[in-house]
PDB file of N, CA and C in Angstrom:
ATOM      1  N   MET A   1      39.066  13.072  -2.661  1.00  0.00           N
ATOM      2  CA  MET A   1      38.077  12.941  -3.714  1.00  0.00           C
ATOM      3  C   MET A   1      37.251  14.224  -3.768  1.00  0.00           C
ATOM      4  N   SER A   2      37.028  14.734  -4.933  1.00  0.00           N
ATOM      5  CA  SER A   2      36.278  15.959  -5.116  1.00  0.00           C
ATOM      6  C   SER A   2      34.796  15.706  -4.867  1.00  0.00           C
ATOM      7  N   ASP A   3      34.099  16.739  -4.349  1.00  0.00           N
ATOM      8  CA  ASP A   3      32.666  16.622  -4.120  1.00  0.00           C
ATOM      9  C   ASP A   3      31.869  16.796  -5.400  1.00  0.00           C
ATOM     10  N   GLU A   4      32.499  17.285  -6.468  1.00  0.00           N
ATOM     11  CA  GLU A   4      31.819  17.467  -7.735  1.00  0.00           C
ATOM     12  C   GLU A   4      32.536  16.680  -8.808  1.00  0.00           C
ATOM     13  N   ILE A   5      31.776  16.053  -9.627  1.00  0.00           N
ATOM     14  CA  ILE A   5      32.354  15.353 -10.763  1.00  0.00           C
ATOM     15  C   ILE A   5      31.496  15.694 -11.964  1.00  0.00           C
ATOM     16  N   ASN A   6      32.103  16.259 -12.987  1.00  0.00           N
ATOM     17  CA  ASN A   6      31.364  16.604 -14.186  1.00  0.00           C
ATOM     18  C   ASN A   6      31.059  15.334 -14.949  1.00  0.00           C
ATOM     19  N   ASN A   7      29.825  15.127 -15.219  1.00  0.00           N
ATOM     20  CA  ASN A   7      29.381  13.927 -15.906  1.00  0.00           C
ATOM     21  C   ASN A   7      28.980  14.283 -17.325  1.00  0.00           C
ATOM     22  N   SER A   8      29.920  14.822 -18.101  1.00  0.00           N
ATOM     23  CA  SER A   8      29.592  15.266 -19.443  1.00  0.00           C
ATOM     24  C   SER A   8      29.666  14.138 -20.464  1.00  0.00           C
ATOM     25  N   SER A   9      30.157  12.976 -20.064  1.00  0.00           N
ATOM     26  CA  SER A   9      30.175  11.848 -20.990  1.00  0.00           C
ATOM     27  C   SER A   9      28.762  11.310 -21.152  1.00  0.00           C
ATOM     28  N   ALA A  10      28.598  10.419 -22.062  1.00  0.00           N
ATOM     29  CA  ALA A  10      27.269   9.890 -22.348  1.00  0.00           C
ATOM     30  C   ALA A  10      26.628   9.317 -21.095  1.00  0.00           C
ATOM     31  N   ALA A  11      25.381   9.647 -20.918  1.00  0.00           N
ATOM     32  CA  ALA A  11      24.631   9.179 -19.756  1.00  0.00           C
ATOM     33  C   ALA A  11      24.019   7.829 -20.060  1.00  0.00           C
ATOM     34  N   PRO A  12      23.660   7.086 -19.013  1.00  0.00           N
ATOM     35  CA  PRO A  12      23.003   5.806 -19.247  1.00  0.00           C
ATOM     36  C   PRO A  12      21.684   6.003 -19.987  1.00  0.00           C
ATOM     37  N   ASP A  13      21.259   4.974 -20.685  1.00  0.00           N
ATOM     38  CA  ASP A  13      20.003   5.058 -21.413  1.00  0.00           C
ATOM     39  C   ASP A  13      18.889   5.494 -20.486  1.00  0.00           C
ATOM     40  N   GLY A  14      18.121   6.480 -20.928  1.00  0.00           N
ATOM     41  CA  GLY A  14      16.982   6.944 -20.145  1.00  0.00           C
ATOM     42  C   GLY A  14      17.318   8.059 -19.191  1.00  0.00           C
ATOM     43  N   ALA A  15      18.578   8.360 -18.976  1.00  0.00           N
ATOM     44  CA  ALA A  15      18.932   9.420 -18.039  1.00  0.00           C
ATOM     45  C   ALA A  15      19.068  10.737 -18.775  1.00  0.00           C
ATOM     46  N   LYS A  16      18.811  11.820 -18.058  1.00  0.00           N
ATOM     47  CA  LYS A  16      18.933  13.125 -18.687  1.00  0.00           C
ATOM     48  C   LYS A  16      20.111  13.911 -18.119  1.00  0.00           C
ATOM     49  N   ASN A  17      21.061  13.256 -17.480  1.00  0.00           N
ATOM     50  CA  ASN A  17      22.143  13.947 -16.798  1.00  0.00           C
ATOM     51  C   ASN A  17      23.391  14.125 -17.650  1.00  0.00           C
ATOM     52  N   LYS A  18      23.239  14.179 -18.968  1.00  0.00           N
ATOM     53  CA  LYS A  18      24.394  14.233 -19.855  1.00  0.00           C
ATOM     54  C   LYS A  18      25.300  15.414 -19.558  1.00  0.00           C
ATOM     55  N   ALA A  19      24.746  16.573 -19.238  1.00  0.00           N
ATOM     56  CA  ALA A  19      25.565  17.752 -18.982  1.00  0.00           C
ATOM     57  C   ALA A  19      25.469  18.187 -17.522  1.00  0.00           C
ATOM     58  N   GLN A  20      24.919  17.367 -16.668  1.00  0.00           N
ATOM     59  CA  GLN A  20      24.747  17.700 -15.261  1.00  0.00           C
ATOM     60  C   GLN A  20      26.021  17.384 -14.490  1.00  0.00           C
ATOM     61  N   VAL A  21      26.195  18.066 -13.391  1.00  0.00           N
ATOM     62  CA  VAL A  21      27.299  17.782 -12.493  1.00  0.00           C
ATOM     63  C   VAL A  21      26.753  16.914 -11.370  1.00  0.00           C
ATOM     64  N   ILE A  22      27.323  15.738 -11.217  1.00  0.00           N
ATOM     65  CA  ILE A  22      26.927  14.841 -10.131  1.00  0.00           C
ATOM     66  C   ILE A  22      27.731  15.246  -8.906  1.00  0.00           C
ATOM     67  N   LYS A  23      27.038  15.649  -7.860  1.00  0.00           N
ATOM     68  CA  LYS A  23      27.699  16.102  -6.644  1.00  0.00           C
ATOM     69  C   LYS A  23      27.518  15.072  -5.539  1.00  0.00           C
ATOM     70  N   ILE A  24      28.624  14.617  -5.012  1.00  0.00           N
ATOM     71  CA  ILE A  24      28.581  13.641  -3.928  1.00  0.00           C
ATOM     72  C   ILE A  24      27.834  14.206  -2.729  1.00  0.00           C
ATOM     73  N   VAL A  25      28.019  15.481  -2.471  1.00  0.00           N
ATOM     74  CA  VAL A  25      27.325  16.105  -1.346  1.00  0.00           C
ATOM     75  C   VAL A  25      25.805  16.041  -1.542  1.00  0.00           C
ATOM     76  N   ASP A  26      25.334  16.164  -2.783  1.00  0.00           N
ATOM     77  CA  ASP A  26      23.901  16.055  -3.056  1.00  0.00           C
ATOM     78  C   ASP A  26      23.405  14.622  -2.914  1.00  0.00           C
ATOM     79  N   ILE A  27      24.235  13.670  -3.285  1.00  0.00           N
ATOM     80  CA  ILE A  27      23.873  12.263  -3.068  1.00  0.00           C
ATOM     81  C   ILE A  27      23.738  12.006  -1.571  1.00  0.00           C
ATOM     82  N   ASP A  28      24.670  12.562  -0.788  1.00  0.00           N
ATOM     83  CA  ASP A  28      24.600  12.409   0.670  1.00  0.00           C
ATOM     84  C   ASP A  28      23.322  13.020   1.242  1.00  0.00           C
ATOM     85  N   LYS A  29      22.953  14.204   0.744  1.00  0.00           N
ATOM     86  CA  LYS A  29      21.717  14.853   1.207  1.00  0.00           C
ATOM     87  C   LYS A  29      20.505  13.996   0.871  1.00  0.00           C
ATOM     88  N   ALA A  30      20.496  13.464  -0.344  1.00  0.00           N
ATOM     89  CA  ALA A  30      19.382  12.610  -0.763  1.00  0.00           C
ATOM     90  C   ALA A  30      19.285  11.381   0.135  1.00  0.00           C
ATOM     91  N   LEU A  31      20.422  10.764   0.403  1.00  0.00           N
ATOM     92  CA  LEU A  31      20.429   9.592   1.281  1.00  0.00           C
ATOM     93  C   LEU A  31      19.919   9.932   2.675  1.00  0.00           C
ATOM     94  N   LYS A  32      20.341  11.069   3.211  1.00  0.00           N
ATOM     95  CA  LYS A  32      19.911  11.473   4.555  1.00  0.00           C
ATOM     96  C   LYS A  32      18.396  11.692   4.597  1.00  0.00           C
ATOM     97  N   MET A  33      17.867  12.379   3.595  1.00  0.00           N
ATOM     98  CA  MET A  33      16.429  12.639   3.566  1.00  0.00           C
ATOM     99  C   MET A  33      15.634  11.343   3.378  1.00  0.00           C
ATOM    100  N   LEU A  34      16.095  10.495   2.477  1.00  0.00           N
ATOM    101  CA  LEU A  34      15.385   9.239   2.236  1.00  0.00           C
ATOM    102  C   LEU A  34      15.385   8.346   3.471  1.00  0.00           C
ATOM    103  N   THR A  35      16.526   8.237   4.141  1.00  0.00           N
ATOM    104  CA  THR A  35      16.594   7.369   5.318  1.00  0.00           C
ATOM    105  C   THR A  35      15.842   7.953   6.506  1.00  0.00           C
ATOM    106  N   THR A  36      15.695   9.269   6.525  1.00  0.00           N
ATOM    107  CA  THR A  36      14.973   9.914   7.625  1.00  0.00           C
ATOM    108  C   THR A  36      13.463   9.793   7.465  1.00  0.00           C
ATOM    109  N   TYR A  37      12.974   9.970   6.259  1.00  0.00           N
ATOM    110  CA  TYR A  37      11.536  10.108   6.060  1.00  0.00           C
ATOM    111  C   TYR A  37      10.839   8.950   5.352  1.00  0.00           C
ATOM    112  N   MET A  38      11.590   7.967   4.892  1.00  0.00           N
ATOM    113  CA  MET A  38      10.954   6.837   4.209  1.00  0.00           C
ATOM    114  C   MET A  38      11.312   5.529   4.900  1.00  0.00           C
ATOM    115  N   ASP A  39      10.531   4.510   4.621  1.00  0.00           N
ATOM    116  CA  ASP A  39      10.788   3.178   5.157  1.00  0.00           C
ATOM    117  C   ASP A  39      12.016   2.606   4.455  1.00  0.00           C
ATOM    118  N   ASN A  40      13.102   2.489   5.200  1.00  0.00           N
ATOM    119  CA  ASN A  40      14.371   2.045   4.612  1.00  0.00           C
ATOM    120  C   ASN A  40      14.275   0.668   3.965  1.00  0.00           C
ATOM    121  N   ASN A  41      13.459  -0.209   4.516  1.00  0.00           N
ATOM    122  CA  ASN A  41      13.296  -1.542   3.926  1.00  0.00           C
ATOM    123  C   ASN A  41      12.624  -1.468   2.564  1.00  0.00           C
ATOM    124  N   ALA A  42      11.684  -0.557   2.419  1.00  0.00           N
ATOM    125  CA  ALA A  42      10.947  -0.437   1.166  1.00  0.00           C
ATOM    126  C   ALA A  42      11.806   0.140   0.037  1.00  0.00           C
ATOM    127  N   ILE A  43      12.809   0.918   0.403  1.00  0.00           N
ATOM    128  CA  ILE A  43      13.647   1.561  -0.617  1.00  0.00           C
ATOM    129  C   ILE A  43      15.103   1.100  -0.542  1.00  0.00           C
ATOM    130  N   ALA A  44      15.343  -0.033   0.079  1.00  0.00           N
ATOM    131  CA  ALA A  44      16.712  -0.539   0.271  1.00  0.00           C
ATOM    132  C   ALA A  44      17.521  -0.621  -1.029  1.00  0.00           C
ATOM    133  N   PRO A  45      16.960  -1.124  -2.125  1.00  0.00           N
ATOM    134  CA  PRO A  45      17.763  -1.177  -3.357  1.00  0.00           C
ATOM    135  C   PRO A  45      18.215   0.216  -3.830  1.00  0.00           C
ATOM    136  N   LEU A  46      17.351   1.213  -3.676  1.00  0.00           N
ATOM    137  CA  LEU A  46      17.725   2.573  -4.066  1.00  0.00           C
ATOM    138  C   LEU A  46      18.808   3.121  -3.146  1.00  0.00           C
ATOM    139  N   LEU A  47      18.669   2.905  -1.858  1.00  0.00           N
ATOM    140  CA  LEU A  47      19.685   3.368  -0.902  1.00  0.00           C
ATOM    141  C   LEU A  47      21.040   2.724  -1.200  1.00  0.00           C
ATOM    142  N   ASN A  48      21.024   1.435  -1.458  1.00  0.00           N
ATOM    143  CA  ASN A  48      22.272   0.726  -1.776  1.00  0.00           C
ATOM    144  C   ASN A  48      22.890   1.246  -3.071  1.00  0.00           C
ATOM    145  N   ALA A  49      22.052   1.488  -4.079  1.00  0.00           N
ATOM    146  CA  ALA A  49      22.556   1.989  -5.358  1.00  0.00           C
ATOM    147  C   ALA A  49      23.168   3.382  -5.207  1.00  0.00           C
ATOM    148  N   LEU A  50      22.531   4.233  -4.407  1.00  0.00           N
ATOM    149  CA  LEU A  50      23.075   5.576  -4.188  1.00  0.00           C
ATOM    150  C   LEU A  50      24.384   5.529  -3.406  1.00  0.00           C
ATOM    151  N   GLU A  51      24.448   4.668  -2.400  1.00  0.00           N
ATOM    152  CA  GLU A  51      25.696   4.518  -1.631  1.00  0.00           C
ATOM    153  C   GLU A  51      26.831   4.064  -2.542  1.00  0.00           C
ATOM    154  N   THR A  52      26.531   3.122  -3.411  1.00  0.00           N
ATOM    155  CA  THR A  52      27.547   2.613  -4.335  1.00  0.00           C
ATOM    156  C   THR A  52      27.942   3.688  -5.343  1.00  0.00           C
ATOM    157  N   LEU A  53      26.977   4.465  -5.815  1.00  0.00           N
ATOM    158  CA  LEU A  53      27.253   5.530  -6.773  1.00  0.00           C
ATOM    159  C   LEU A  53      28.221   6.570  -6.210  1.00  0.00           C
ATOM    160  N   LYS A  54      28.169   6.802  -4.917  1.00  0.00           N
ATOM    161  CA  LYS A  54      29.083   7.769  -4.297  1.00  0.00           C
ATOM    162  C   LYS A  54      30.543   7.392  -4.512  1.00  0.00           C
ATOM    163  N   THR A  55      30.828   6.121  -4.687  1.00  0.00           N
ATOM    164  CA  THR A  55      32.213   5.685  -4.862  1.00  0.00           C
ATOM    165  C   THR A  55      32.770   6.043  -6.228  1.00  0.00           C
ATOM    166  N   ASP A  56      31.879   6.198  -7.219  1.00  0.00           N
ATOM    167  CA  ASP A  56      32.322   6.521  -8.578  1.00  0.00           C
ATOM    168  C   ASP A  56      31.152   7.129  -9.357  1.00  0.00           C
ATOM    169  N   PRO A  57      30.856   8.407  -9.121  1.00  0.00           N
ATOM    170  CA  PRO A  57      29.680   9.036  -9.729  1.00  0.00           C
ATOM    171  C   PRO A  57      29.657   9.050 -11.254  1.00  0.00           C
ATOM    172  N   GLN A  58      30.785   8.919 -11.908  1.00  0.00           N
ATOM    173  CA  GLN A  58      30.804   8.919 -13.371  1.00  0.00           C
ATOM    174  C   GLN A  58      30.550   7.541 -13.970  1.00  0.00           C
ATOM    175  N   ASN A  59      30.538   6.536 -13.149  1.00  0.00           N
ATOM    176  CA  ASN A  59      30.376   5.176 -13.635  1.00  0.00           C
ATOM    177  C   ASN A  59      28.950   4.981 -14.146  1.00  0.00           C
ATOM    178  N   GLN A  60      28.836   4.782 -15.454  1.00  0.00           N
ATOM    179  CA  GLN A  60      27.517   4.649 -16.075  1.00  0.00           C
ATOM    180  C   GLN A  60      26.765   3.416 -15.594  1.00  0.00           C
ATOM    181  N   SER A  61      27.483   2.373 -15.287  1.00  0.00           N
ATOM    182  CA  SER A  61      26.845   1.166 -14.772  1.00  0.00           C
ATOM    183  C   SER A  61      26.201   1.442 -13.408  1.00  0.00           C
ATOM    184  N   LEU A  62      26.898   2.189 -12.558  1.00  0.00           N
ATOM    185  CA  LEU A  62      26.349   2.531 -11.244  1.00  0.00           C
ATOM    186  C   LEU A  62      25.170   3.485 -11.377  1.00  0.00           C
ATOM    187  N   GLN A  63      25.245   4.400 -12.328  1.00  0.00           N
ATOM    188  CA  GLN A  63      24.117   5.302 -12.577  1.00  0.00           C
ATOM    189  C   GLN A  63      22.904   4.503 -13.049  1.00  0.00           C
ATOM    190  N   SER A  64      23.144   3.515 -13.874  1.00  0.00           N
ATOM    191  CA  SER A  64      22.056   2.662 -14.352  1.00  0.00           C
ATOM    192  C   SER A  64      21.407   1.895 -13.208  1.00  0.00           C
ATOM    193  N   LYS A  65      22.210   1.493 -12.237  1.00  0.00           N
ATOM    194  CA  LYS A  65      21.667   0.787 -11.063  1.00  0.00           C
ATOM    195  C   LYS A  65      20.738   1.701 -10.271  1.00  0.00           C
ATOM    196  N   VAL A  66      21.102   2.986 -10.165  1.00  0.00           N
ATOM    197  CA  VAL A  66      20.235   3.946  -9.475  1.00  0.00           C
ATOM    198  C   VAL A  66      18.919   4.085 -10.238  1.00  0.00           C
ATOM    199  N   ILE A  67      19.009   4.188 -11.549  1.00  0.00           N
ATOM    200  CA  ILE A  67      17.812   4.317 -12.380  1.00  0.00           C
ATOM    201  C   ILE A  67      16.919   3.081 -12.222  1.00  0.00           C
ATOM    202  N   GLU A  68      17.516   1.906 -12.286  1.00  0.00           N
ATOM    203  CA  GLU A  68      16.745   0.665 -12.129  1.00  0.00           C
ATOM    204  C   GLU A  68      16.077   0.595 -10.760  1.00  0.00           C
ATOM    205  N   ALA A  69      16.833   0.963  -9.718  1.00  0.00           N
ATOM    206  CA  ALA A  69      16.282   0.919  -8.355  1.00  0.00           C
ATOM    207  C   ALA A  69      15.146   1.925  -8.203  1.00  0.00           C
ATOM    208  N   PHE A  70      15.319   3.111  -8.774  1.00  0.00           N
ATOM    209  CA  PHE A  70      14.256   4.118  -8.711  1.00  0.00           C
ATOM    210  C   PHE A  70      13.020   3.633  -9.463  1.00  0.00           C
ATOM    211  N   ASN A  71      13.221   3.113 -10.657  1.00  0.00           N
ATOM    212  CA  ASN A  71      12.089   2.636 -11.459  1.00  0.00           C
ATOM    213  C   ASN A  71      11.331   1.513 -10.761  1.00  0.00           C
ATOM    214  N   SER A  72      12.015   0.714  -9.969  1.00  0.00           N
ATOM    215  CA  SER A  72      11.360  -0.398  -9.278  1.00  0.00           C
ATOM    216  C   SER A  72      10.562   0.039  -8.051  1.00  0.00           C
ATOM    217  N   LEU A  73      10.647   1.313  -7.678  1.00  0.00           N
ATOM    218  CA  LEU A  73       9.919   1.793  -6.499  1.00  0.00           C
ATOM    219  C   LEU A  73       8.413   1.852  -6.705  1.00  0.00           C
ATOM    220  N   GLY A  74       7.987   1.910  -7.944  1.00  0.00           N
ATOM    221  CA  GLY A  74       6.549   1.996  -8.204  1.00  0.00           C
ATOM    222  C   GLY A  74       5.954   3.255  -7.606  1.00  0.00           C
ATOM    223  N   ILE A  75       4.904   3.085  -6.823  1.00  0.00           N
ATOM    224  CA  ILE A  75       4.190   4.218  -6.247  1.00  0.00           C
ATOM    225  C   ILE A  75       5.055   5.044  -5.283  1.00  0.00           C
ATOM    226  N   LEU A  76       6.118   4.468  -4.771  1.00  0.00           N
ATOM    227  CA  LEU A  76       7.002   5.190  -3.854  1.00  0.00           C
ATOM    228  C   LEU A  76       7.919   6.189  -4.566  1.00  0.00           C
ATOM    229  N   GLN A  77       7.894   6.192  -5.897  1.00  0.00           N
ATOM    230  CA  GLN A  77       8.717   7.146  -6.644  1.00  0.00           C
ATOM    231  C   GLN A  77       8.382   8.587  -6.268  1.00  0.00           C
ATOM    232  N   GLY A  78       7.110   8.876  -6.128  1.00  0.00           N
ATOM    233  CA  GLY A  78       6.690  10.238  -5.780  1.00  0.00           C
ATOM    234  C   GLY A  78       7.249  10.681  -4.440  1.00  0.00           C
ATOM    235  N   ALA A  79       7.164   9.805  -3.459  1.00  0.00           N
ATOM    236  CA  ALA A  79       7.699  10.139  -2.138  1.00  0.00           C
ATOM    237  C   ALA A  79       9.212  10.306  -2.198  1.00  0.00           C
ATOM    238  N   ALA A  80       9.877   9.438  -2.943  1.00  0.00           N
ATOM    239  CA  ALA A  80      11.331   9.536  -3.067  1.00  0.00           C
ATOM    240  C   ALA A  80      11.722  10.874  -3.688  1.00  0.00           C
ATOM    241  N   LEU A  81      10.987  11.307  -4.709  1.00  0.00           N
ATOM    242  CA  LEU A  81      11.288  12.596  -5.342  1.00  0.00           C
ATOM    243  C   LEU A  81      10.959  13.770  -4.423  1.00  0.00           C
ATOM    244  N   THR A  82       9.951  13.607  -3.586  1.00  0.00           N
ATOM    245  CA  THR A  82       9.598  14.668  -2.641  1.00  0.00           C
ATOM    246  C   THR A  82      10.734  14.887  -1.656  1.00  0.00           C
ATOM    247  N   TYR A  83      11.274  13.829  -1.118  1.00  0.00           N
ATOM    248  CA  TYR A  83      12.325  13.938  -0.108  1.00  0.00           C
ATOM    249  C   TYR A  83      13.719  14.067  -0.700  1.00  0.00           C
ATOM    250  N   ALA A  84      13.891  13.617  -1.920  1.00  0.00           N
ATOM    251  CA  ALA A  84      15.207  13.669  -2.568  1.00  0.00           C
ATOM    252  C   ALA A  84      15.054  14.141  -4.014  1.00  0.00           C
ATOM    253  N   PRO A  85      14.729  15.415  -4.208  1.00  0.00           N
ATOM    254  CA  PRO A  85      14.517  15.913  -5.566  1.00  0.00           C
ATOM    255  C   PRO A  85      15.752  15.774  -6.462  1.00  0.00           C
ATOM    256  N   TYR A  86      16.906  15.563  -5.858  1.00  0.00           N
ATOM    257  CA  TYR A  86      18.135  15.368  -6.644  1.00  0.00           C
ATOM    258  C   TYR A  86      18.020  14.154  -7.572  1.00  0.00           C
ATOM    259  N   LEU A  87      17.149  13.221  -7.247  1.00  0.00           N
ATOM    260  CA  LEU A  87      16.965  12.039  -8.082  1.00  0.00           C
ATOM    261  C   LEU A  87      16.467  12.398  -9.477  1.00  0.00           C
ATOM    262  N   ASN A  88      15.940  13.612  -9.652  1.00  0.00           N
ATOM    263  CA  ASN A  88      15.498  14.057 -10.971  1.00  0.00           C
ATOM    264  C   ASN A  88      16.616  13.997 -11.997  1.00  0.00           C
ATOM    265  N   VAL A  89      17.859  14.055 -11.562  1.00  0.00           N
ATOM    266  CA  VAL A  89      18.999  13.997 -12.473  1.00  0.00           C
ATOM    267  C   VAL A  89      18.989  12.689 -13.255  1.00  0.00           C
ATOM    268  N   PHE A  90      18.435  11.662 -12.672  1.00  0.00           N
ATOM    269  CA  PHE A  90      18.478  10.336 -13.276  1.00  0.00           C
ATOM    270  C   PHE A  90      17.203   9.952 -14.017  1.00  0.00           C
ATOM    271  N   ILE A  91      16.219  10.807 -13.997  1.00  0.00           N
ATOM    272  CA  ILE A  91      14.927  10.481 -14.603  1.00  0.00           C
ATOM    273  C   ILE A  91      14.946  10.816 -16.082  1.00  0.00           C
ATOM    274  N   SER A  92      14.305  10.000 -16.850  1.00  0.00           N
ATOM    275  CA  SER A  92      14.241  10.146 -18.311  1.00  0.00           C
ATOM    276  C   SER A  92      13.510  11.408 -18.698  1.00  0.00           C
ATOM    277  N   ASP A  93      13.956  12.026 -19.794  1.00  0.00           N
ATOM    278  CA  ASP A  93      13.218  13.136 -20.387  1.00  0.00           C
ATOM    279  C   ASP A  93      11.921  12.645 -21.021  1.00  0.00           C
ATOM    280  N   ASP A  94      11.888  11.367 -21.348  1.00  0.00           N
ATOM    281  CA  ASP A  94      10.746  10.760 -22.008  1.00  0.00           C
ATOM    282  C   ASP A  94      10.261   9.565 -21.191  1.00  0.00           C
ATOM    283  N   PRO A  95       9.402   9.815 -20.196  1.00  0.00           N
ATOM    284  CA  PRO A  95       9.000   8.727 -19.301  1.00  0.00           C
ATOM    285  C   PRO A  95       8.234   7.601 -19.976  1.00  0.00           C
ATOM    286  N   PHE A  96       7.695   7.841 -21.174  1.00  0.00           N
ATOM    287  CA  PHE A  96       6.909   6.822 -21.857  1.00  0.00           C
ATOM    288  C   PHE A  96       7.708   6.096 -22.930  1.00  0.00           C
ATOM    289  N   GLY A  97       8.983   6.463 -23.095  1.00  0.00           N
ATOM    290  CA  GLY A  97       9.832   5.782 -24.043  1.00  0.00           C
ATOM    291  C   GLY A  97       9.492   6.039 -25.495  1.00  0.00           C
ATOM    292  N   ASP A  98       8.829   7.167 -25.769  1.00  0.00           N
ATOM    293  CA  ASP A  98       8.456   7.512 -27.150  1.00  0.00           C
ATOM    294  C   ASP A  98       9.597   8.157 -27.885  1.00  0.00           C
TER     295      ASP A  98
END
């Protein structure tokens, strides 16, 4: 399996990764940083979604699960982005839905 997968197909609603390359190695780095520096119980849905995404990075449904898990973090979103800036690939260009 290649470490890079071009995700040029339509991205899930709210994601800005339409022309981004999803790299499995970057997902692994994000997982390592998140599990090292954050409370794994508090971010378990995000960790699970990222692990699942590694199996098929182009799968829009799996990308949507990552977005949903990230959005559900609430105040922990900032910490997650600090330790795993790669998550920016999944964040909306329009956070207010305008």
